[in-house]
Structure formats: C-alpha cells, structure tokens
Amino acid sequence: MNKFAIFGLGCLLSVRLQAQKVTVTNQSEKVKGESVEGYGTELEGKKDAVSSAWVKFLKDIGKVKQGNDPMTITEPVFNGLSFSKGTIYSITRDKAENTSLWLGIKPGEWETNNVKRINNELEKTVYQFGVKYYRDKIQLQIDEAQQAMDAVDKQKQRIANQTKDLTIQFGNNEQEKVQLDKSIEANKLENALLKVKLDNNKKARDSLEQAGVQIQKVKQMHLERQRKVN
C-alpha cells in the first residue's frame, strides 16, 4: 500500500490551493502590419496543449482557418446570432511556461452597428475559454485522483477478501492444532502404557525363560531316574 500513500502525498503537494484566476485585458496586436485592438489573456500551460483546446473551442463558434498567422474565424455565431460579414483574428504565443491568447477584429471589416457587440462577445469568449480550460484541466486531475481512489479501493477490497480467507484458514488451523494437541497427549499416554506393557512383557518372558530352564532340569532328572530303573 506504500505506493498509494506516496501517490496521494504527491497529489497533495502538486495541487495549488488558490483558485485559478482568468483575467482578460484589452490588448493590441499586429495583424498583417496593422495594429488591431482586441482582448487577450494568459493561461498556464504549453502552447501546443492550450492551442489544441483553443481551436476546438473556436470551432463551436465559427469556421476556423488554421495555418495562417493570425488564425481566422469567419461566420461566427454568438447567442444564436450569425454574422456572415467580418473576420475574427486569433493569435497564440508562448510565454515561458504560459501561453497567451488574443482575439480581435478590424472594425472596417464589420458593419458599424455590430462592432461593439462583437467586441463584447470576443471579451466574453476569451474569458469563457479560460474558465473552461482551467476547469477541464482540473477535471483531468480529478479523474486521475478518482482512478487512484478506485485503485486504492480495489486494493482494500482485495486485502479485505484476503483477510477473510486468512481468518478462516487461521480458525481451521487453530482447530487442527487443538486436535493435534489432543492427539499428542493421547499419544503420550499410549506411549507410556506401551512402555509399561513392554516392560511387563519382558519380565514375563524372563520368568518363562527361567521356568523353562528349571523344568528342563527336572525333566533331565526324571529321564536320568528312568534310565536307572532295572
């Protein structure tokens, strides 16, 4: 069970006690040489992992075109409203152990009355993704912890079953020991009795031997007397 204790301690030491905080700020990025206002955040994690989740998230919003810098999203749908005109730009960058995300639009590519609405949606989109990203990441840790708990429970059940079997075996062994102890005591008594009988048997045999010798002498004496009769 030590490996489970070590795993549990490792999990405890690796968990951050404070809640993850998603902060979205207004940022400018260069899009094809032009400075564009947008919204960005910085998330913990390598770029590949964050980008993979980011692209999957954006595909639920509109048509994502990768391979370009920046990535583009067209025909977005927000709150059931579809926007056929205009392009959303996305930039993802490595920042040491973190990854920065940015979404922005060129107002000139959009209908004027939609610009403010789209910017609000972009800010919410970045925030919602950040929250989802951290929750999904924590869910993986929860799943790993649950798997570890399941493994421990399985081991506990195995040990409980083993304990039950060993208890039964121990009880049977105890009964067998009692029977064997009784058999040993009976054996000791029988052994002592047989020794007495053997001793008595030897004494009887010795007495008979002596009696035989005396009888043989008497017989020889009678034979001698018979021989002298004339």
Protein backbone atom coordinates (compact mmCIF):
# COMPACT_ATOMS: atom_id res chain seq x y z
CA MET A 1 0.00 0.00 0.00
CA ASN A 2 3.01 2.34 0.28
CA LYS A 3 2.83 3.29 -3.40
CA PHE A 4 -0.68 4.63 -2.93
CA ALA A 5 0.39 6.66 0.07
CA ILE A 6 3.26 8.12 -1.96
CA PHE A 7 0.91 8.89 -4.87
CA GLY A 8 -1.57 10.60 -2.54
CA LEU A 9 1.18 12.71 -0.99
CA GLY A 10 2.43 13.65 -4.46
CA CYS A 11 -1.07 14.75 -5.48
CA LEU A 12 -1.40 16.83 -2.32
CA LEU A 13 1.90 18.58 -2.87
CA SER A 14 1.15 19.32 -6.53
CA VAL A 15 -2.30 20.84 -6.00
CA ARG A 16 -2.46 24.62 -5.92
CA LEU A 17 -4.62 25.72 -3.02
CA GLN A 18 -5.66 29.04 -4.56
CA ALA A 19 -8.28 29.12 -7.31
CA GLN A 20 -7.19 29.81 -10.88
CA LYS A 21 -8.00 33.35 -11.95
CA VAL A 22 -8.81 34.25 -15.56
CA THR A 23 -8.06 37.88 -16.34
CA VAL A 24 -8.98 39.33 -19.74
CA THR A 25 -7.44 42.63 -20.77
CA ASN A 26 -7.71 44.95 -23.76
CA GLN A 27 -4.64 44.40 -25.91
CA SER A 28 -3.31 45.43 -29.28
CA GLU A 29 -1.69 43.00 -31.74
CA LYS A 30 -0.18 43.36 -35.18
CA VAL A 31 -2.37 41.80 -37.86
CA LYS A 32 -0.76 41.95 -41.28
CA GLY A 33 1.22 45.01 -40.23
CA GLU A 34 -1.79 46.80 -38.79
CA SER A 35 -2.31 47.43 -35.08
CA VAL A 36 -5.60 45.86 -34.04
CA GLU A 37 -7.43 46.22 -30.74
CA GLY A 38 -8.69 43.05 -29.10
CA TYR A 39 -8.85 41.00 -25.93
CA GLY A 40 -6.30 38.64 -24.50
CA THR A 41 -5.42 36.51 -21.52
CA GLU A 42 -2.53 34.41 -20.30
CA LEU A 43 -3.04 30.81 -19.29
CA GLU A 44 -0.82 28.28 -17.58
CA GLY A 45 0.38 25.57 -19.94
CA LYS A 46 2.43 24.90 -23.02
CA LYS A 47 1.31 26.38 -26.31
CA ASP A 48 0.53 23.04 -28.00
CA ALA A 49 -1.87 21.94 -25.27
CA VAL A 50 -3.56 25.34 -24.96
CA SER A 51 -3.81 25.83 -28.73
CA SER A 52 -5.39 22.42 -29.25
CA ALA A 53 -8.14 23.19 -26.73
CA TRP A 54 -8.49 26.74 -28.10
CA VAL A 55 -9.03 25.63 -31.69
CA LYS A 56 -11.61 23.06 -30.60
CA PHE A 57 -13.41 25.76 -28.61
CA LEU A 58 -13.39 28.21 -31.52
CA LYS A 59 -14.83 25.61 -33.92
CA ASP A 60 -18.05 25.78 -31.93
CA ILE A 61 -18.22 29.50 -32.71
CA GLY A 62 -17.43 29.66 -36.43
CA LYS A 63 -15.30 28.47 -39.32
CA VAL A 64 -11.70 28.24 -38.18
CA LYS A 65 -8.89 28.56 -40.68
CA GLN A 66 -5.51 27.46 -39.36
CA GLY A 67 -2.11 27.66 -40.98
CA ASN A 68 -2.17 31.43 -41.26
CA ASP A 69 -0.72 33.91 -38.80
CA PRO A 70 -3.00 35.01 -37.35
CA MET A 71 -5.61 32.23 -37.34
CA THR A 72 -9.02 33.39 -38.57
CA ILE A 73 -12.63 32.66 -37.64
CA THR A 74 -15.40 33.54 -40.07
CA GLU A 75 -19.20 33.31 -39.95
CA PRO A 76 -19.25 33.34 -36.16
CA VAL A 77 -22.41 32.67 -34.17
CA PHE A 78 -22.90 34.36 -30.79
CA ASN A 79 -26.01 33.85 -28.69
CA GLY A 80 -27.84 32.42 -31.68
CA LEU A 81 -26.93 35.40 -33.91
CA SER A 82 -24.95 34.63 -37.05
CA PHE A 83 -22.58 37.17 -38.56
CA SER A 84 -21.79 36.47 -42.20
CA LYS A 85 -19.58 39.51 -42.70
CA GLY A 86 -16.27 40.14 -40.99
CA THR A 87 -13.30 38.14 -39.75
CA ILE A 88 -12.12 37.43 -36.23
CA TYR A 89 -8.36 37.10 -35.78
CA SER A 90 -6.67 34.90 -33.18
CA ILE A 91 -3.03 34.92 -32.08
CA THR A 92 -1.43 32.40 -29.73
CA ARG A 93 2.07 32.85 -28.29
CA ASP A 94 4.44 31.04 -25.95
CA LYS A 95 5.27 32.98 -22.78
CA ALA A 96 7.75 30.88 -20.78
CA GLU A 97 5.62 28.23 -19.06
CA ASN A 98 2.42 30.03 -20.05
CA THR A 99 0.53 30.72 -23.27
CA SER A 100 -1.12 33.98 -24.29
CA LEU A 101 -4.34 34.09 -26.32
CA TRP A 102 -5.76 37.02 -28.22
CA LEU A 103 -8.90 37.70 -30.23
CA GLY A 104 -9.53 40.84 -32.21
CA ILE A 105 -11.26 42.34 -35.24
CA LYS A 106 -10.61 45.07 -37.74
CA PRO A 107 -13.67 47.33 -37.34
CA GLY A 108 -13.57 48.27 -41.00
CA GLU A 109 -14.37 44.66 -41.96
CA TRP A 110 -17.60 44.70 -39.95
CA GLU A 111 -20.88 46.51 -40.11
CA THR A 112 -20.58 49.53 -37.85
CA ASN A 113 -23.57 48.62 -35.66
CA ASN A 114 -22.04 45.15 -34.97
CA VAL A 115 -18.54 46.26 -33.91
CA LYS A 116 -19.32 46.96 -30.25
CA ARG A 117 -21.43 43.80 -29.94
CA ILE A 118 -18.71 41.62 -31.47
CA ASN A 119 -16.03 43.13 -29.21
CA ASN A 120 -18.16 42.34 -26.17
CA GLU A 121 -18.57 38.78 -27.43
CA LEU A 122 -14.82 38.46 -28.03
CA GLU A 123 -14.06 39.51 -24.45
CA LYS A 124 -16.60 37.02 -23.13
CA THR A 125 -15.26 34.31 -25.47
CA VAL A 126 -11.69 34.69 -24.19
CA TYR A 127 -12.91 34.65 -20.60
CA GLN A 128 -15.23 31.66 -21.10
CA PHE A 129 -12.46 29.69 -22.75
CA GLY A 130 -10.04 30.49 -19.93
CA VAL A 131 -12.55 29.27 -17.36
CA LYS A 132 -13.33 26.13 -19.40
CA TYR A 133 -9.63 25.44 -19.98
CA TYR A 134 -8.82 25.51 -16.26
CA ARG A 135 -11.93 23.55 -15.31
CA ASP A 136 -11.14 20.87 -17.91
CA LYS A 137 -7.54 20.75 -16.72
CA ILE A 138 -8.66 20.35 -13.11
CA GLN A 139 -11.22 17.74 -14.20
CA LEU A 140 -8.36 15.66 -15.59
CA GLN A 141 -6.68 15.88 -12.20
CA ILE A 142 -9.97 14.93 -10.53
CA ASP A 143 -10.26 11.94 -12.88
CA GLU A 144 -6.68 10.90 -12.07
CA ALA A 145 -7.40 11.23 -8.35
CA GLN A 146 -10.58 9.19 -8.79
CA GLN A 147 -8.65 6.50 -10.65
CA ALA A 148 -6.15 6.43 -7.79
CA MET A 149 -9.02 6.19 -5.29
CA ASP A 150 -10.58 3.36 -7.30
CA ALA A 151 -7.23 1.57 -7.34
CA VAL A 152 -6.92 2.00 -3.56
CA ASP A 153 -10.50 0.79 -3.03
CA LYS A 154 -9.78 -2.21 -5.22
CA GLN A 155 -6.66 -2.97 -3.20
CA LYS A 156 -8.61 -2.51 0.05
CA GLN A 157 -11.25 -4.95 -1.17
CA ARG A 158 -8.56 -7.42 -2.21
CA ILE A 159 -6.92 -7.11 1.22
CA ALA A 160 -10.33 -7.45 2.93
CA ASN A 161 -11.04 -10.64 0.97
CA GLN A 162 -7.55 -11.89 1.74
CA THR A 163 -8.07 -11.09 5.43
CA LYS A 164 -11.34 -13.04 5.40
CA ASP A 165 -9.66 -16.05 3.79
CA LEU A 166 -6.70 -15.89 6.17
CA THR A 167 -9.05 -15.61 9.17
CA ILE A 168 -10.89 -18.74 8.06
CA GLN A 169 -7.60 -20.56 7.46
CA PHE A 170 -6.32 -19.43 10.86
CA GLY A 171 -9.51 -20.67 12.56
CA ASN A 172 -9.21 -24.04 10.82
CA ASN A 173 -5.56 -24.20 11.78
CA GLU A 174 -6.41 -23.44 15.40
CA GLN A 175 -8.97 -26.26 15.46
CA GLU A 176 -6.49 -28.59 13.82
CA LYS A 177 -3.88 -27.58 16.42
CA VAL A 178 -6.32 -28.37 19.24
CA GLN A 179 -6.99 -31.79 17.70
CA LEU A 180 -3.28 -32.37 17.18
CA ASP A 181 -2.56 -31.33 20.80
CA LYS A 182 -5.20 -33.82 21.97
CA SER A 183 -3.69 -36.47 19.70
CA ILE A 184 -0.24 -35.76 21.08
CA GLU A 185 -1.49 -36.10 24.66
CA ALA A 186 -3.26 -39.33 23.75
CA ASN A 187 -0.09 -40.48 22.03
CA LYS A 188 1.95 -39.72 25.13
CA LEU A 189 -0.43 -41.79 27.30
CA GLU A 190 -0.43 -44.63 24.80
CA ASN A 191 3.36 -44.47 24.61
CA ALA A 192 3.70 -44.69 28.39
CA LEU A 193 1.19 -47.56 28.54
CA LEU A 194 3.02 -49.45 25.81
CA LYS A 195 6.31 -48.99 27.67
CA VAL A 196 4.72 -50.49 30.79
CA LYS A 197 3.32 -53.36 28.74
CA LEU A 198 6.71 -53.92 27.09
CA ASP A 199 8.41 -53.97 30.48
CA ASN A 200 5.81 -56.39 31.85
CA ASN A 201 6.15 -58.48 28.71
CA LYS A 202 9.93 -58.59 29.13
CA LYS A 203 9.57 -59.60 32.80
CA ALA A 204 7.07 -62.32 31.87
CA ARG A 205 9.39 -63.55 29.14
CA ASP A 206 12.36 -63.62 31.50
CA SER A 207 10.27 -65.51 34.10
CA LEU A 208 9.19 -68.03 31.50
CA GLU A 209 12.78 -68.45 30.39
CA GLN A 210 13.83 -69.17 33.94
CA ALA A 211 10.86 -71.52 34.45
CA GLY A 212 11.77 -73.32 31.22
CA VAL A 213 15.34 -73.82 32.43
CA GLN A 214 14.09 -75.26 35.76
CA ILE A 215 11.55 -77.50 34.04
CA GLN A 216 14.25 -78.75 31.67
CA LYS A 217 16.42 -79.65 34.69
CA VAL A 218 13.53 -81.50 36.31
CA LYS A 219 12.87 -83.32 33.03
CA GLN A 220 16.52 -84.36 32.73
CA MET A 221 16.42 -85.53 36.32
CA HIS A 222 13.34 -87.67 35.62
CA LEU A 223 14.98 -89.05 32.47
CA GLU A 224 18.06 -89.96 34.48
CA ARG A 225 15.94 -91.69 37.07
CA GLN A 226 14.07 -93.56 34.36
CA ARG A 227 17.34 -94.69 32.81
CA LYS A 228 18.50 -96.17 36.12
CA VAL A 229 15.45 -98.34 36.56
CA ASN A 230 16.43 -102.11 36.00
